[in-house]
Amino acid sequence: MMFWDASAIVPLLVEQPASRACRAALRADPRQVVWMMTITEVVSALCRLCRDGAIDGRFRDEAEARARRFATRWTEVQAAEVARDEAARLLHAYALRAADALQLAAAVVWADRRPRGRGFVCLDGDLCEAARAEGFKVHTPAG
């Protein structure tokens, strides 16, 4: 079981350079743990791809439907208050955006604050660096 950041979920829905590697990571361990707001981040990414012209509206809607089907199988970290407080600590320690700090905080909560050796799947460089510093075994599927 590994924690998945939204950055590694989007390539499962939209063909990108890292898609094949992300699919292989999912096949190797299909038990995904995510932050409770991951679906929102995924929808945001799909809408951004549509606005940027990388995908059309029909494909965005289909990808969002696939994401919602994936979400029925996810284990979600629901501890909002604990994750919020943990995210504040992480923001002081690392150069992260708020959403990335919340993702990492949810992973830390999931790991009972003992992330050493726990898997963290991510494609965002700053977030990967912070997760590694926290002790996670970071998996960065490359295309």
N, C-alpha and C. Protein backbone atom coordinates (compact mmCIF):
# COMPACT_ATOMS: atom_id res chain seq x y z
N MET A 1 0.84 -1.17 0.00
CA MET A 1 0.00 0.00 0.00
C MET A 1 0.89 1.24 0.00
N MET A 2 0.60 2.17 -0.94
CA MET A 2 1.39 3.39 -1.04
C MET A 2 0.46 4.59 -1.11
N PHE A 3 0.99 5.72 -0.64
CA PHE A 3 0.26 6.98 -0.74
C PHE A 3 0.50 7.55 -2.12
N TRP A 4 -0.57 7.99 -2.78
CA TRP A 4 -0.48 8.54 -4.13
C TRP A 4 -0.85 10.02 -4.12
N ASP A 5 0.06 10.85 -4.61
CA ASP A 5 -0.24 12.26 -4.82
C ASP A 5 -1.04 12.39 -6.11
N ALA A 6 -1.84 13.43 -6.21
CA ALA A 6 -2.66 13.67 -7.40
C ALA A 6 -1.81 13.74 -8.67
N SER A 7 -0.57 14.23 -8.55
CA SER A 7 0.30 14.35 -9.72
C SER A 7 0.58 13.01 -10.38
N ALA A 8 0.50 11.93 -9.61
CA ALA A 8 0.74 10.59 -10.16
C ALA A 8 -0.57 9.91 -10.58
N ILE A 9 -1.69 10.46 -10.18
CA ILE A 9 -2.98 9.89 -10.57
C ILE A 9 -3.42 10.41 -11.93
N VAL A 10 -3.17 11.68 -12.21
CA VAL A 10 -3.59 12.26 -13.48
C VAL A 10 -3.05 11.48 -14.68
N PRO A 11 -1.79 11.03 -14.68
CA PRO A 11 -1.30 10.24 -15.82
C PRO A 11 -1.99 8.88 -15.98
N LEU A 12 -2.72 8.45 -14.98
CA LEU A 12 -3.52 7.24 -15.12
C LEU A 12 -4.79 7.52 -15.93
N LEU A 13 -5.15 8.79 -16.02
CA LEU A 13 -6.40 9.20 -16.67
C LEU A 13 -6.19 9.84 -18.03
N VAL A 14 -5.05 10.53 -18.19
CA VAL A 14 -4.73 11.25 -19.41
C VAL A 14 -3.34 10.79 -19.85
N GLU A 15 -3.21 10.41 -21.09
CA GLU A 15 -1.91 9.93 -21.58
C GLU A 15 -0.88 11.04 -21.49
N GLN A 16 0.17 10.77 -20.75
CA GLN A 16 1.27 11.69 -20.54
C GLN A 16 2.57 10.87 -20.56
N PRO A 17 3.73 11.53 -20.60
CA PRO A 17 4.99 10.77 -20.63
C PRO A 17 5.12 9.75 -19.49
N ALA A 18 4.59 10.05 -18.33
CA ALA A 18 4.72 9.13 -17.19
C ALA A 18 3.58 8.12 -17.07
N SER A 19 2.65 8.13 -18.01
CA SER A 19 1.46 7.26 -17.89
C SER A 19 1.81 5.78 -17.79
N ARG A 20 2.67 5.30 -18.66
CA ARG A 20 3.01 3.88 -18.65
C ARG A 20 3.64 3.49 -17.30
N ALA A 21 4.55 4.30 -16.81
CA ALA A 21 5.21 4.01 -15.53
C ALA A 21 4.22 4.09 -14.37
N CYS A 22 3.29 5.03 -14.42
CA CYS A 22 2.28 5.13 -13.35
C CYS A 22 1.37 3.90 -13.36
N ARG A 23 0.99 3.47 -14.56
CA ARG A 23 0.16 2.25 -14.65
C ARG A 23 0.92 1.04 -14.10
N ALA A 24 2.21 0.95 -14.39
CA ALA A 24 3.02 -0.16 -13.87
C ALA A 24 3.10 -0.10 -12.35
N ALA A 25 3.26 1.09 -11.80
CA ALA A 25 3.30 1.24 -10.34
C ALA A 25 1.98 0.81 -9.72
N LEU A 26 0.88 1.15 -10.36
CA LEU A 26 -0.44 0.77 -9.85
C LEU A 26 -0.64 -0.74 -9.95
N ARG A 27 -0.19 -1.34 -11.04
CA ARG A 27 -0.31 -2.80 -11.17
C ARG A 27 0.53 -3.50 -10.10
N ALA A 28 1.70 -2.96 -9.80
CA ALA A 28 2.59 -3.57 -8.80
C ALA A 28 1.98 -3.51 -7.41
N ASP A 29 1.22 -2.46 -7.13
CA ASP A 29 0.58 -2.32 -5.82
C ASP A 29 -0.70 -1.51 -6.01
N PRO A 30 -1.83 -2.17 -6.25
CA PRO A 30 -3.07 -1.47 -6.58
C PRO A 30 -3.80 -0.83 -5.39
N ARG A 31 -3.26 -0.95 -4.21
CA ARG A 31 -3.93 -0.38 -3.02
C ARG A 31 -3.46 1.05 -2.81
N GLN A 32 -4.23 2.00 -3.31
CA GLN A 32 -3.87 3.42 -3.25
C GLN A 32 -4.44 4.08 -2.00
N VAL A 33 -3.59 4.87 -1.35
CA VAL A 33 -4.02 5.73 -0.25
C VAL A 33 -3.88 7.16 -0.74
N VAL A 34 -4.90 7.98 -0.49
CA VAL A 34 -4.89 9.36 -0.96
C VAL A 34 -5.44 10.28 0.12
N TRP A 35 -5.18 11.57 -0.03
CA TRP A 35 -5.77 12.60 0.81
C TRP A 35 -7.23 12.75 0.42
N MET A 36 -8.08 13.11 1.35
CA MET A 36 -9.51 13.21 1.10
C MET A 36 -9.86 14.23 0.00
N MET A 37 -8.99 15.17 -0.29
CA MET A 37 -9.27 16.18 -1.32
C MET A 37 -8.55 15.88 -2.65
N THR A 38 -8.01 14.69 -2.77
CA THR A 38 -7.30 14.33 -4.00
C THR A 38 -8.22 14.40 -5.21
N ILE A 39 -9.45 13.95 -5.09
CA ILE A 39 -10.35 14.00 -6.25
C ILE A 39 -10.52 15.43 -6.73
N THR A 40 -10.54 16.39 -5.80
CA THR A 40 -10.66 17.80 -6.18
C THR A 40 -9.42 18.25 -6.95
N GLU A 41 -8.25 17.84 -6.49
CA GLU A 41 -7.02 18.19 -7.20
C GLU A 41 -6.98 17.56 -8.58
N VAL A 42 -7.46 16.33 -8.70
CA VAL A 42 -7.48 15.65 -9.99
C VAL A 42 -8.44 16.37 -10.95
N VAL A 43 -9.62 16.71 -10.48
CA VAL A 43 -10.57 17.43 -11.32
C VAL A 43 -9.98 18.78 -11.73
N SER A 44 -9.31 19.46 -10.82
CA SER A 44 -8.66 20.73 -11.15
C SER A 44 -7.64 20.53 -12.27
N ALA A 45 -6.83 19.50 -12.18
CA ALA A 45 -5.82 19.23 -13.21
C ALA A 45 -6.48 18.94 -14.55
N LEU A 46 -7.56 18.16 -14.54
CA LEU A 46 -8.26 17.85 -15.79
C LEU A 46 -8.86 19.11 -16.41
N CYS A 47 -9.44 19.97 -15.59
CA CYS A 47 -10.00 21.23 -16.10
C CYS A 47 -8.91 22.12 -16.66
N ARG A 48 -7.76 22.15 -16.00
CA ARG A 48 -6.64 22.96 -16.49
C ARG A 48 -6.16 22.43 -17.85
N LEU A 49 -6.06 21.10 -17.98
CA LEU A 49 -5.66 20.52 -19.27
C LEU A 49 -6.66 20.87 -20.36
N CYS A 50 -7.93 20.91 -20.01
CA CYS A 50 -8.96 21.27 -20.98
C CYS A 50 -8.85 22.75 -21.36
N ARG A 51 -8.70 23.60 -20.38
CA ARG A 51 -8.55 25.05 -20.67
C ARG A 51 -7.31 25.32 -21.52
N ASP A 52 -6.24 24.54 -21.29
CA ASP A 52 -5.00 24.72 -22.04
C ASP A 52 -5.05 24.08 -23.42
N GLY A 53 -6.13 23.38 -23.74
CA GLY A 53 -6.29 22.76 -25.05
C GLY A 53 -5.63 21.40 -25.20
N ALA A 54 -5.11 20.84 -24.12
CA ALA A 54 -4.45 19.53 -24.21
C ALA A 54 -5.48 18.40 -24.36
N ILE A 55 -6.67 18.60 -23.82
CA ILE A 55 -7.76 17.64 -23.98
C ILE A 55 -9.04 18.43 -24.25
N ASP A 56 -10.03 17.76 -24.84
CA ASP A 56 -11.30 18.47 -25.07
C ASP A 56 -12.27 18.19 -23.93
N GLY A 57 -13.39 18.89 -23.95
CA GLY A 57 -14.36 18.79 -22.87
C GLY A 57 -14.94 17.39 -22.71
N ARG A 58 -15.17 16.69 -23.80
CA ARG A 58 -15.70 15.33 -23.72
C ARG A 58 -14.70 14.40 -23.04
N PHE A 59 -13.43 14.51 -23.44
CA PHE A 59 -12.39 13.67 -22.83
C PHE A 59 -12.24 14.01 -21.35
N ARG A 60 -12.29 15.32 -21.01
CA ARG A 60 -12.20 15.73 -19.60
C ARG A 60 -13.31 15.07 -18.79
N ASP A 61 -14.54 15.10 -19.32
CA ASP A 61 -15.67 14.50 -18.61
C ASP A 61 -15.48 12.99 -18.44
N GLU A 62 -14.99 12.33 -19.48
CA GLU A 62 -14.74 10.89 -19.40
C GLU A 62 -13.64 10.57 -18.39
N ALA A 63 -12.57 11.38 -18.40
CA ALA A 63 -11.47 11.18 -17.46
C ALA A 63 -11.92 11.43 -16.03
N GLU A 64 -12.77 12.43 -15.84
CA GLU A 64 -13.29 12.70 -14.50
C GLU A 64 -14.17 11.54 -14.02
N ALA A 65 -14.96 10.96 -14.91
CA ALA A 65 -15.78 9.80 -14.54
C ALA A 65 -14.88 8.62 -14.16
N ARG A 66 -13.78 8.42 -14.90
CA ARG A 66 -12.84 7.35 -14.54
C ARG A 66 -12.20 7.63 -13.18
N ALA A 67 -11.87 8.90 -12.94
CA ALA A 67 -11.28 9.27 -11.64
C ALA A 67 -12.25 8.95 -10.51
N ARG A 68 -13.52 9.25 -10.71
CA ARG A 68 -14.51 8.97 -9.66
C ARG A 68 -14.67 7.47 -9.44
N ARG A 69 -14.53 6.68 -10.51
CA ARG A 69 -14.55 5.21 -10.33
C ARG A 69 -13.31 4.76 -9.55
N PHE A 70 -12.14 5.30 -9.89
CA PHE A 70 -10.92 5.00 -9.12
C PHE A 70 -11.13 5.34 -7.65
N ALA A 71 -11.75 6.49 -7.40
CA ALA A 71 -11.92 6.97 -6.03
C ALA A 71 -12.73 6.01 -5.17
N THR A 72 -13.58 5.21 -5.78
CA THR A 72 -14.36 4.25 -4.98
C THR A 72 -13.47 3.16 -4.40
N ARG A 73 -12.27 3.01 -4.95
CA ARG A 73 -11.34 1.98 -4.46
C ARG A 73 -10.23 2.54 -3.59
N TRP A 74 -10.11 3.87 -3.53
CA TRP A 74 -9.07 4.50 -2.74
C TRP A 74 -9.34 4.36 -1.26
N THR A 75 -8.27 4.32 -0.49
CA THR A 75 -8.36 4.53 0.94
C THR A 75 -8.04 6.00 1.15
N GLU A 76 -8.99 6.74 1.72
CA GLU A 76 -8.80 8.18 1.89
C GLU A 76 -8.44 8.52 3.33
N VAL A 77 -7.45 9.39 3.47
CA VAL A 77 -7.09 9.94 4.78
C VAL A 77 -8.07 11.08 5.04
N GLN A 78 -8.91 10.90 6.07
CA GLN A 78 -9.98 11.84 6.36
C GLN A 78 -9.68 12.79 7.52
N ALA A 79 -8.56 12.63 8.17
CA ALA A 79 -8.24 13.39 9.38
C ALA A 79 -7.89 14.84 9.04
N ALA A 80 -8.90 15.65 8.76
CA ALA A 80 -8.69 17.01 8.27
C ALA A 80 -7.97 17.90 9.28
N GLU A 81 -8.39 17.90 10.52
CA GLU A 81 -7.77 18.79 11.51
C GLU A 81 -6.33 18.39 11.79
N VAL A 82 -6.08 17.11 11.92
CA VAL A 82 -4.72 16.64 12.17
C VAL A 82 -3.83 16.94 10.98
N ALA A 83 -4.35 16.70 9.77
CA ALA A 83 -3.58 16.99 8.56
C ALA A 83 -3.33 18.49 8.42
N ARG A 84 -4.30 19.30 8.77
CA ARG A 84 -4.13 20.76 8.70
C ARG A 84 -2.97 21.20 9.59
N ASP A 85 -2.93 20.68 10.81
CA ASP A 85 -1.85 21.05 11.73
C ASP A 85 -0.50 20.53 11.25
N GLU A 86 -0.50 19.33 10.73
CA GLU A 86 0.74 18.74 10.21
C GLU A 86 1.22 19.53 8.99
N ALA A 87 0.30 19.98 8.16
CA ALA A 87 0.65 20.77 6.98
C ALA A 87 1.34 22.07 7.38
N ALA A 88 0.88 22.69 8.46
CA ALA A 88 1.53 23.92 8.92
C ALA A 88 2.98 23.65 9.28
N ARG A 89 3.24 22.54 9.96
CA ARG A 89 4.62 22.17 10.29
C ARG A 89 5.44 21.99 9.02
N LEU A 90 4.88 21.30 8.04
CA LEU A 90 5.59 21.03 6.80
C LEU A 90 5.87 22.30 6.00
N LEU A 91 4.94 23.25 6.04
CA LEU A 91 5.16 24.52 5.33
C LEU A 91 6.34 25.29 5.92
N HIS A 92 6.57 25.16 7.21
CA HIS A 92 7.71 25.81 7.84
C HIS A 92 9.02 25.09 7.50
N ALA A 93 8.92 23.80 7.23
CA ALA A 93 10.12 23.00 7.00
C ALA A 93 10.55 22.92 5.53
N TYR A 94 9.60 23.03 4.61
CA TYR A 94 9.90 22.80 3.19
C TYR A 94 9.24 23.87 2.32
N ALA A 95 9.79 24.07 1.14
CA ALA A 95 9.22 25.02 0.17
C ALA A 95 8.10 24.33 -0.61
N LEU A 96 6.93 24.26 0.02
CA LEU A 96 5.78 23.59 -0.58
C LEU A 96 4.62 24.57 -0.75
N ARG A 97 3.78 24.30 -1.74
CA ARG A 97 2.51 25.00 -1.87
C ARG A 97 1.55 24.39 -0.85
N ALA A 98 0.49 25.10 -0.53
CA ALA A 98 -0.45 24.64 0.50
C ALA A 98 -1.02 23.26 0.18
N ALA A 99 -1.48 23.06 -1.05
CA ALA A 99 -2.08 21.77 -1.40
C ALA A 99 -1.05 20.64 -1.30
N ASP A 100 0.19 20.91 -1.68
CA ASP A 100 1.23 19.88 -1.57
C ASP A 100 1.52 19.56 -0.10
N ALA A 101 1.54 20.60 0.73
CA ALA A 101 1.76 20.37 2.16
C ALA A 101 0.63 19.54 2.74
N LEU A 102 -0.60 19.78 2.30
CA LEU A 102 -1.74 18.99 2.78
C LEU A 102 -1.64 17.54 2.29
N GLN A 103 -1.20 17.34 1.05
CA GLN A 103 -1.00 15.98 0.54
C GLN A 103 0.02 15.24 1.42
N LEU A 104 1.17 15.88 1.64
CA LEU A 104 2.21 15.25 2.43
C LEU A 104 1.76 15.05 3.87
N ALA A 105 1.04 16.01 4.40
CA ALA A 105 0.52 15.88 5.77
C ALA A 105 -0.41 14.68 5.88
N ALA A 106 -1.27 14.49 4.90
CA ALA A 106 -2.15 13.33 4.91
C ALA A 106 -1.35 12.03 4.89
N ALA A 107 -0.27 12.01 4.12
CA ALA A 107 0.59 10.83 4.08
C ALA A 107 1.26 10.59 5.43
N VAL A 108 1.72 11.65 6.06
CA VAL A 108 2.34 11.52 7.39
C VAL A 108 1.33 10.99 8.40
N VAL A 109 0.11 11.50 8.34
CA VAL A 109 -0.95 11.01 9.24
C VAL A 109 -1.23 9.53 8.96
N TRP A 110 -1.33 9.17 7.68
CA TRP A 110 -1.56 7.77 7.32
C TRP A 110 -0.45 6.87 7.88
N ALA A 111 0.77 7.37 7.87
CA ALA A 111 1.92 6.59 8.35
C ALA A 111 2.10 6.68 9.87
N ASP A 112 1.10 7.21 10.56
CA ASP A 112 1.19 7.38 12.02
C ASP A 112 2.45 8.12 12.43
N ARG A 113 2.84 9.09 11.61
CA ARG A 113 4.02 9.93 11.84
C ARG A 113 5.32 9.13 11.86
N ARG A 114 5.28 7.94 11.27
CA ARG A 114 6.48 7.11 11.13
C ARG A 114 6.59 6.68 9.65
N PRO A 115 6.95 7.63 8.79
CA PRO A 115 6.93 7.33 7.35
C PRO A 115 8.10 6.50 6.84
N ARG A 116 9.10 6.25 7.68
CA ARG A 116 10.30 5.55 7.23
C ARG A 116 9.93 4.28 6.45
N GLY A 117 10.29 4.27 5.16
CA GLY A 117 10.08 3.10 4.31
C GLY A 117 8.70 2.99 3.70
N ARG A 118 7.76 3.84 4.08
CA ARG A 118 6.42 3.79 3.49
C ARG A 118 6.48 4.40 2.09
N GLY A 119 5.70 3.84 1.16
CA GLY A 119 5.71 4.30 -0.22
C GLY A 119 4.93 5.59 -0.44
N PHE A 120 5.47 6.45 -1.29
CA PHE A 120 4.85 7.72 -1.64
C PHE A 120 5.05 7.90 -3.14
N VAL A 121 3.97 7.87 -3.92
CA VAL A 121 4.05 7.96 -5.37
C VAL A 121 3.73 9.39 -5.78
N CYS A 122 4.66 10.00 -6.53
CA CYS A 122 4.53 11.44 -6.82
C CYS A 122 5.38 11.81 -8.03
N LEU A 123 4.93 12.83 -8.76
CA LEU A 123 5.69 13.34 -9.89
C LEU A 123 6.14 14.79 -9.68
N ASP A 124 5.77 15.39 -8.59
CA ASP A 124 6.11 16.79 -8.30
C ASP A 124 7.45 16.85 -7.57
N GLY A 125 8.44 17.50 -8.18
CA GLY A 125 9.80 17.51 -7.64
C GLY A 125 9.92 18.01 -6.21
N ASP A 126 9.34 19.18 -5.90
CA ASP A 126 9.45 19.72 -4.55
C ASP A 126 8.75 18.83 -3.53
N LEU A 127 7.61 18.30 -3.91
CA LEU A 127 6.87 17.42 -3.00
C LEU A 127 7.64 16.11 -2.79
N CYS A 128 8.23 15.58 -3.84
CA CYS A 128 9.04 14.35 -3.71
C CYS A 128 10.21 14.59 -2.76
N GLU A 129 10.86 15.73 -2.93
CA GLU A 129 12.01 16.05 -2.07
C GLU A 129 11.59 16.14 -0.60
N ALA A 130 10.47 16.79 -0.32
CA ALA A 130 9.99 16.92 1.05
C ALA A 130 9.57 15.56 1.61
N ALA A 131 8.90 14.75 0.80
CA ALA A 131 8.48 13.41 1.25
C ALA A 131 9.70 12.56 1.57
N ARG A 132 10.71 12.64 0.74
CA ARG A 132 11.95 11.90 0.98
C ARG A 132 12.60 12.36 2.29
N ALA A 133 12.63 13.66 2.50
CA ALA A 133 13.21 14.21 3.73
C ALA A 133 12.43 13.77 4.97
N GLU A 134 11.12 13.58 4.81
CA GLU A 134 10.29 13.11 5.92
C GLU A 134 10.50 11.62 6.20
N GLY A 135 11.12 10.91 5.26
CA GLY A 135 11.41 9.50 5.47
C GLY A 135 10.67 8.54 4.57
N PHE A 136 9.81 9.05 3.69
CA PHE A 136 9.08 8.17 2.78
C PHE A 136 10.02 7.58 1.73
N LYS A 137 9.66 6.42 1.25
CA LYS A 137 10.33 5.83 0.10
C LYS A 137 9.57 6.35 -1.13
N VAL A 138 10.15 7.33 -1.79
CA VAL A 138 9.46 8.02 -2.87
C VAL A 138 9.61 7.25 -4.18
N HIS A 139 8.47 7.05 -4.83
CA HIS A 139 8.43 6.40 -6.15
C HIS A 139 8.05 7.49 -7.14
N THR A 140 8.93 7.73 -8.09
CA THR A 140 8.68 8.75 -9.11
C THR A 140 8.64 8.06 -10.45
N PRO A 141 7.45 7.57 -10.85
CA PRO A 141 7.36 6.89 -12.13
C PRO A 141 7.80 7.81 -13.26
N ALA A 142 8.72 7.36 -14.07
CA ALA A 142 9.24 8.17 -15.17
C ALA A 142 8.77 7.60 -16.50
N GLY A 143 8.49 8.50 -17.42
CA GLY A 143 8.00 8.08 -18.73
C GLY A 143 9.09 7.73 -19.68
